[in-house]
Every structure is written in C-alpha cells, then in structure tokens.
N, C-alpha and C. Protein backbone atom coordinates (compact mmCIF):
# COMPACT_ATOMS: atom_id res chain seq x y z
N MET A 1 -56.07 -32.17 -123.54
CA MET A 1 -56.37 -30.97 -122.79
C MET A 1 -57.31 -31.33 -121.63
N ALA A 2 -57.03 -30.84 -120.44
CA ALA A 2 -57.83 -31.14 -119.26
C ALA A 2 -59.21 -30.52 -119.36
N GLN A 3 -60.19 -31.22 -118.83
CA GLN A 3 -61.55 -30.73 -118.83
C GLN A 3 -61.68 -29.59 -117.82
N GLU A 4 -62.36 -28.54 -118.22
CA GLU A 4 -62.63 -27.40 -117.33
C GLU A 4 -63.59 -27.85 -116.23
N PRO A 5 -63.23 -27.62 -114.95
CA PRO A 5 -64.15 -28.04 -113.88
C PRO A 5 -65.43 -27.22 -113.92
N PRO A 6 -66.56 -27.87 -113.63
CA PRO A 6 -67.83 -27.15 -113.60
C PRO A 6 -67.91 -26.25 -112.37
N PHE A 7 -68.73 -25.22 -112.46
CA PHE A 7 -68.95 -24.34 -111.32
C PHE A 7 -69.75 -25.10 -110.26
N ALA A 8 -69.33 -25.00 -109.02
CA ALA A 8 -70.06 -25.60 -107.90
C ALA A 8 -70.08 -24.60 -106.76
N ASP A 9 -71.24 -24.40 -106.17
CA ASP A 9 -71.32 -23.47 -105.04
C ASP A 9 -71.58 -24.16 -103.71
N VAL A 10 -71.77 -25.48 -103.73
CA VAL A 10 -71.89 -26.26 -102.50
C VAL A 10 -70.97 -27.47 -102.65
N ILE A 11 -69.96 -27.57 -101.79
CA ILE A 11 -69.02 -28.69 -101.85
C ILE A 11 -68.95 -29.30 -100.46
N ILE A 12 -69.17 -30.63 -100.40
CA ILE A 12 -69.17 -31.31 -99.10
C ILE A 12 -68.26 -32.52 -99.14
N ASN A 13 -67.70 -32.86 -98.01
CA ASN A 13 -66.96 -34.11 -97.82
C ASN A 13 -67.80 -34.96 -96.88
N VAL A 14 -68.15 -36.17 -97.33
CA VAL A 14 -69.04 -37.02 -96.53
C VAL A 14 -68.46 -38.42 -96.39
N HIS A 15 -68.83 -39.06 -95.29
CA HIS A 15 -68.45 -40.44 -95.01
C HIS A 15 -69.72 -41.27 -95.13
N LYS A 16 -69.62 -42.40 -95.75
CA LYS A 16 -70.76 -43.28 -95.94
C LYS A 16 -71.06 -44.01 -94.64
N GLY A 17 -72.29 -43.88 -94.17
CA GLY A 17 -72.73 -44.58 -92.97
C GLY A 17 -73.46 -45.86 -93.34
N GLN A 18 -74.08 -46.48 -92.35
CA GLN A 18 -74.83 -47.72 -92.60
C GLN A 18 -75.95 -47.52 -93.60
N GLY A 19 -76.57 -46.35 -93.57
CA GLY A 19 -77.68 -46.07 -94.48
C GLY A 19 -77.25 -45.29 -95.71
N GLY A 20 -75.96 -45.22 -95.98
CA GLY A 20 -75.48 -44.47 -97.14
C GLY A 20 -75.01 -43.08 -96.72
N TYR A 21 -75.18 -42.12 -97.62
CA TYR A 21 -74.73 -40.76 -97.37
C TYR A 21 -75.84 -39.85 -96.85
N GLY A 22 -77.07 -40.34 -96.88
CA GLY A 22 -78.18 -39.50 -96.45
C GLY A 22 -78.63 -38.54 -97.54
N ILE A 23 -78.31 -38.88 -98.77
CA ILE A 23 -78.68 -38.04 -99.91
C ILE A 23 -79.08 -38.97 -101.05
N TYR A 24 -80.11 -38.58 -101.78
CA TYR A 24 -80.67 -39.42 -102.83
C TYR A 24 -80.74 -38.64 -104.13
N PHE A 25 -80.52 -39.35 -105.24
CA PHE A 25 -80.43 -38.71 -106.55
C PHE A 25 -81.35 -39.37 -107.56
N THR A 26 -81.62 -38.63 -108.63
CA THR A 26 -82.26 -39.17 -109.81
C THR A 26 -81.61 -38.52 -111.02
N GLN A 27 -81.79 -39.15 -112.16
CA GLN A 27 -81.32 -38.56 -113.41
C GLN A 27 -82.48 -37.79 -114.02
N ARG A 28 -82.20 -36.53 -114.36
CA ARG A 28 -83.24 -35.68 -114.97
C ARG A 28 -82.58 -34.80 -116.02
N ASP A 29 -83.02 -34.94 -117.26
CA ASP A 29 -82.51 -34.11 -118.35
C ASP A 29 -80.99 -34.15 -118.46
N GLY A 30 -80.42 -35.33 -118.28
CA GLY A 30 -78.97 -35.47 -118.40
C GLY A 30 -78.18 -35.01 -117.20
N ASN A 31 -78.86 -34.66 -116.13
CA ASN A 31 -78.21 -34.21 -114.90
C ASN A 31 -78.53 -35.17 -113.77
N ILE A 32 -77.67 -35.19 -112.75
CA ILE A 32 -77.97 -35.93 -111.53
C ILE A 32 -78.46 -34.90 -110.52
N VAL A 33 -79.70 -35.08 -110.08
CA VAL A 33 -80.38 -34.09 -109.25
C VAL A 33 -80.75 -34.70 -107.90
N VAL A 34 -80.59 -33.92 -106.85
CA VAL A 34 -80.95 -34.37 -105.50
C VAL A 34 -82.46 -34.46 -105.38
N THR A 35 -82.94 -35.61 -104.90
CA THR A 35 -84.38 -35.80 -104.70
C THR A 35 -84.77 -35.81 -103.23
N LYS A 36 -83.78 -36.10 -102.35
CA LYS A 36 -84.09 -36.16 -100.92
C LYS A 36 -82.78 -36.02 -100.14
N VAL A 37 -82.86 -35.34 -99.01
CA VAL A 37 -81.72 -35.22 -98.10
C VAL A 37 -82.22 -35.60 -96.71
N ASP A 38 -81.57 -36.57 -96.09
CA ASP A 38 -81.98 -37.01 -94.76
C ASP A 38 -81.73 -35.92 -93.72
N VAL A 39 -82.69 -35.78 -92.82
CA VAL A 39 -82.57 -34.83 -91.72
C VAL A 39 -81.37 -35.24 -90.85
N GLY A 40 -80.53 -34.27 -90.56
CA GLY A 40 -79.36 -34.51 -89.72
C GLY A 40 -78.14 -35.04 -90.45
N SER A 41 -78.27 -35.30 -91.75
CA SER A 41 -77.13 -35.82 -92.51
C SER A 41 -76.09 -34.73 -92.75
N GLU A 42 -74.88 -35.15 -93.10
CA GLU A 42 -73.83 -34.19 -93.42
C GLU A 42 -74.24 -33.33 -94.60
N ALA A 43 -74.94 -33.91 -95.55
CA ALA A 43 -75.41 -33.16 -96.72
C ALA A 43 -76.36 -32.04 -96.29
N GLN A 44 -77.29 -32.34 -95.38
CA GLN A 44 -78.21 -31.31 -94.91
C GLN A 44 -77.46 -30.23 -94.14
N LYS A 45 -76.54 -30.64 -93.29
CA LYS A 45 -75.76 -29.68 -92.51
C LYS A 45 -74.96 -28.74 -93.40
N ALA A 46 -74.53 -29.25 -94.58
CA ALA A 46 -73.74 -28.44 -95.52
C ALA A 46 -74.61 -27.57 -96.42
N GLY A 47 -75.93 -27.77 -96.36
CA GLY A 47 -76.82 -26.92 -97.13
C GLY A 47 -77.28 -27.49 -98.46
N VAL A 48 -77.08 -28.79 -98.69
CA VAL A 48 -77.57 -29.41 -99.91
C VAL A 48 -79.09 -29.49 -99.83
N LEU A 49 -79.76 -29.11 -100.92
CA LEU A 49 -81.22 -29.09 -100.98
C LEU A 49 -81.75 -29.90 -102.16
N MET A 50 -83.01 -30.24 -102.09
CA MET A 50 -83.66 -30.90 -103.21
C MET A 50 -83.50 -30.04 -104.46
N ASP A 51 -83.30 -30.70 -105.59
CA ASP A 51 -83.13 -30.10 -106.91
C ASP A 51 -81.75 -29.49 -107.14
N ASP A 52 -80.84 -29.57 -106.16
CA ASP A 52 -79.45 -29.20 -106.43
C ASP A 52 -78.90 -30.22 -107.41
N ARG A 53 -77.97 -29.79 -108.25
CA ARG A 53 -77.42 -30.66 -109.30
C ARG A 53 -76.00 -31.08 -108.92
N LEU A 54 -75.76 -32.40 -108.92
CA LEU A 54 -74.43 -32.94 -108.67
C LEU A 54 -73.58 -32.68 -109.91
N VAL A 55 -72.44 -32.00 -109.74
CA VAL A 55 -71.61 -31.67 -110.90
C VAL A 55 -70.27 -32.40 -110.89
N ALA A 56 -69.83 -32.89 -109.72
CA ALA A 56 -68.56 -33.61 -109.66
C ALA A 56 -68.49 -34.47 -108.40
N VAL A 57 -67.75 -35.56 -108.50
CA VAL A 57 -67.48 -36.41 -107.34
C VAL A 57 -65.97 -36.69 -107.30
N GLN A 58 -65.49 -36.92 -106.08
CA GLN A 58 -64.07 -37.23 -105.92
C GLN A 58 -63.93 -38.21 -104.76
N ASP A 59 -63.18 -39.27 -104.97
CA ASP A 59 -62.97 -40.29 -103.95
C ASP A 59 -61.87 -39.84 -103.01
N ASN A 60 -62.22 -39.51 -101.77
CA ASN A 60 -61.24 -39.05 -100.80
C ASN A 60 -60.31 -40.17 -100.33
N ASP A 61 -60.69 -41.44 -100.59
CA ASP A 61 -59.81 -42.57 -100.27
C ASP A 61 -58.83 -42.85 -101.42
N ARG A 62 -58.97 -42.15 -102.50
CA ARG A 62 -58.10 -42.26 -103.67
C ARG A 62 -58.05 -43.67 -104.25
N LEU A 63 -59.25 -44.29 -104.40
CA LEU A 63 -59.35 -45.61 -105.01
C LEU A 63 -60.02 -45.55 -106.38
N LEU A 64 -60.92 -44.61 -106.57
CA LEU A 64 -61.67 -44.47 -107.82
C LEU A 64 -61.45 -43.08 -108.41
N PRO A 65 -61.56 -42.93 -109.70
CA PRO A 65 -61.68 -43.98 -110.71
C PRO A 65 -60.39 -44.77 -110.84
N VAL A 66 -60.49 -46.01 -111.26
CA VAL A 66 -59.36 -46.91 -111.33
C VAL A 66 -58.24 -46.33 -112.19
N GLU A 67 -58.59 -45.68 -113.29
CA GLU A 67 -57.57 -45.17 -114.21
C GLU A 67 -56.86 -43.91 -113.69
N ASP A 68 -57.42 -43.24 -112.70
CA ASP A 68 -56.80 -42.03 -112.13
C ASP A 68 -57.32 -41.84 -110.71
N PRO A 69 -56.90 -42.70 -109.78
CA PRO A 69 -57.45 -42.71 -108.41
C PRO A 69 -57.40 -41.34 -107.73
N GLY A 70 -58.54 -40.96 -107.20
CA GLY A 70 -58.65 -39.70 -106.47
C GLY A 70 -58.92 -38.48 -107.33
N ALA A 71 -58.91 -38.63 -108.63
CA ALA A 71 -59.17 -37.49 -109.52
C ALA A 71 -60.66 -37.15 -109.49
N PRO A 72 -61.00 -35.87 -109.59
CA PRO A 72 -62.42 -35.52 -109.66
C PRO A 72 -63.02 -36.03 -110.96
N VAL A 73 -64.27 -36.46 -110.88
CA VAL A 73 -65.01 -36.92 -112.05
C VAL A 73 -66.16 -35.95 -112.23
N PHE A 74 -66.21 -35.29 -113.38
CA PHE A 74 -67.24 -34.31 -113.67
C PHE A 74 -68.42 -35.00 -114.33
N VAL A 75 -69.61 -34.68 -113.87
CA VAL A 75 -70.83 -35.30 -114.36
C VAL A 75 -71.17 -34.75 -115.74
N SER A 76 -71.51 -35.67 -116.65
CA SER A 76 -71.95 -35.27 -117.98
C SER A 76 -73.10 -36.18 -118.41
N LEU A 77 -73.73 -35.83 -119.50
CA LEU A 77 -74.81 -36.65 -120.05
C LEU A 77 -74.32 -38.06 -120.34
N ASP A 78 -73.06 -38.17 -120.76
CA ASP A 78 -72.50 -39.46 -121.15
C ASP A 78 -72.09 -40.35 -119.98
N ASN A 79 -71.83 -39.77 -118.80
CA ASN A 79 -71.27 -40.59 -117.73
C ASN A 79 -72.08 -40.60 -116.43
N TYR A 80 -73.30 -40.07 -116.43
CA TYR A 80 -74.01 -39.95 -115.16
C TYR A 80 -74.23 -41.31 -114.48
N ALA A 81 -74.45 -42.38 -115.23
CA ALA A 81 -74.64 -43.70 -114.62
C ALA A 81 -73.34 -44.17 -113.97
N VAL A 82 -72.21 -43.92 -114.62
CA VAL A 82 -70.91 -44.27 -114.08
C VAL A 82 -70.64 -43.49 -112.79
N VAL A 83 -70.96 -42.20 -112.80
CA VAL A 83 -70.74 -41.35 -111.63
C VAL A 83 -71.57 -41.86 -110.44
N LEU A 84 -72.83 -42.18 -110.67
CA LEU A 84 -73.66 -42.69 -109.57
C LEU A 84 -73.09 -44.00 -109.03
N ASN A 85 -72.55 -44.84 -109.90
CA ASN A 85 -71.93 -46.08 -109.45
C ASN A 85 -70.69 -45.79 -108.61
N PHE A 86 -69.89 -44.81 -109.01
CA PHE A 86 -68.74 -44.41 -108.20
C PHE A 86 -69.20 -44.00 -106.80
N VAL A 87 -70.22 -43.15 -106.73
CA VAL A 87 -70.71 -42.67 -105.43
C VAL A 87 -71.14 -43.85 -104.57
N ARG A 88 -71.82 -44.81 -105.16
CA ARG A 88 -72.28 -45.98 -104.40
C ARG A 88 -71.10 -46.78 -103.84
N ASN A 89 -69.98 -46.76 -104.53
CA ASN A 89 -68.82 -47.57 -104.14
C ASN A 89 -67.77 -46.81 -103.33
N MET A 90 -67.93 -45.54 -103.14
CA MET A 90 -66.99 -44.75 -102.35
C MET A 90 -67.41 -44.75 -100.89
N LYS A 91 -66.44 -44.71 -99.98
CA LYS A 91 -66.75 -44.64 -98.55
C LYS A 91 -66.58 -43.23 -98.01
N HIS A 92 -65.67 -42.47 -98.57
CA HIS A 92 -65.42 -41.09 -98.18
C HIS A 92 -65.28 -40.29 -99.46
N CYS A 93 -66.17 -39.35 -99.68
CA CYS A 93 -66.10 -38.65 -100.96
C CYS A 93 -66.40 -37.16 -100.82
N ARG A 94 -65.98 -36.45 -101.84
CA ARG A 94 -66.29 -35.03 -101.99
C ARG A 94 -67.35 -34.95 -103.08
N LEU A 95 -68.46 -34.31 -102.75
CA LEU A 95 -69.54 -34.10 -103.71
C LEU A 95 -69.66 -32.61 -103.96
N SER A 96 -69.69 -32.24 -105.22
CA SER A 96 -69.80 -30.82 -105.61
C SER A 96 -71.13 -30.61 -106.31
N PHE A 97 -71.84 -29.58 -105.86
CA PHE A 97 -73.18 -29.31 -106.36
C PHE A 97 -73.30 -27.90 -106.91
N LEU A 98 -74.20 -27.75 -107.85
CA LEU A 98 -74.67 -26.44 -108.29
C LEU A 98 -76.05 -26.30 -107.68
N SER A 99 -76.21 -25.35 -106.77
CA SER A 99 -77.48 -25.22 -106.06
C SER A 99 -78.60 -24.81 -107.01
N LYS A 100 -79.80 -25.18 -106.64
CA LYS A 100 -80.97 -24.82 -107.45
C LYS A 100 -81.05 -23.31 -107.64
N GLY A 101 -80.78 -22.55 -106.60
CA GLY A 101 -80.84 -21.09 -106.69
C GLY A 101 -79.82 -20.53 -107.66
N MET A 102 -78.63 -21.12 -107.73
CA MET A 102 -77.58 -20.62 -108.61
C MET A 102 -77.81 -21.06 -110.06
N GLN A 103 -78.53 -22.14 -110.28
CA GLN A 103 -78.76 -22.65 -111.63
C GLN A 103 -79.43 -21.63 -112.53
N GLN A 104 -80.27 -20.80 -111.95
CA GLN A 104 -80.99 -19.80 -112.77
C GLN A 104 -80.07 -18.71 -113.31
N PHE A 105 -78.89 -18.56 -112.70
CA PHE A 105 -77.97 -17.50 -113.13
C PHE A 105 -76.95 -17.99 -114.15
N LEU A 106 -76.83 -19.31 -114.34
CA LEU A 106 -75.83 -19.85 -115.26
C LEU A 106 -76.44 -20.38 -116.52
C-alpha cells in the first residue's frame, strides 16, 4: 500500500548553486527543521522560514532514489539521515515543508 503523502503548505523547486540551496537544516525530535535561509535564495523567495519542517523531497532530475528515480521521499524518524543525504546529492529538487505557523494546527 502506498504511503499517504504528508501535508505541506510550502513547496519549492530549487537548483543547487555553488553554495548549495541557500537553506540549512538540523534534526530535531525526529524531524528535519530549517535552521537558516540565505537572503535572496529561492527558498527565501518562496517563503521558507526558520523552524519550518521538511516533510518530503523529490529529485527533479529523476536520479534518486535509485530504487524509484524521481519518486517523492517522505521524511520520517527512520529515514531523516537518508533524506538529508539525498538533498545533498540532488542538483534540482522539490522540497515540501510544513510551515511553523501551520504546525500548531496539525
């Protein structure tokens, strides 16, 4: 049975530049949480803020994950390290977030 996609209220498509994506994460309580967003980055322009939670990633180049290229990968307690590694290795990706403001309602 397919996994139910998590709710996301901020979804961005970003290209990796020389300095990365302009967004930084940490693991907190089993979640991947935004710790910093570079000024002028695509993430900032799309409205990503500190403490937003990354809920899914998708490789727009359709290379990752190897077993199902281009499929969305939903973040869980069990796979957050794998997801961060995917993000580091993707050049064009879709990142889906649950904003800090919306987290209080779910």
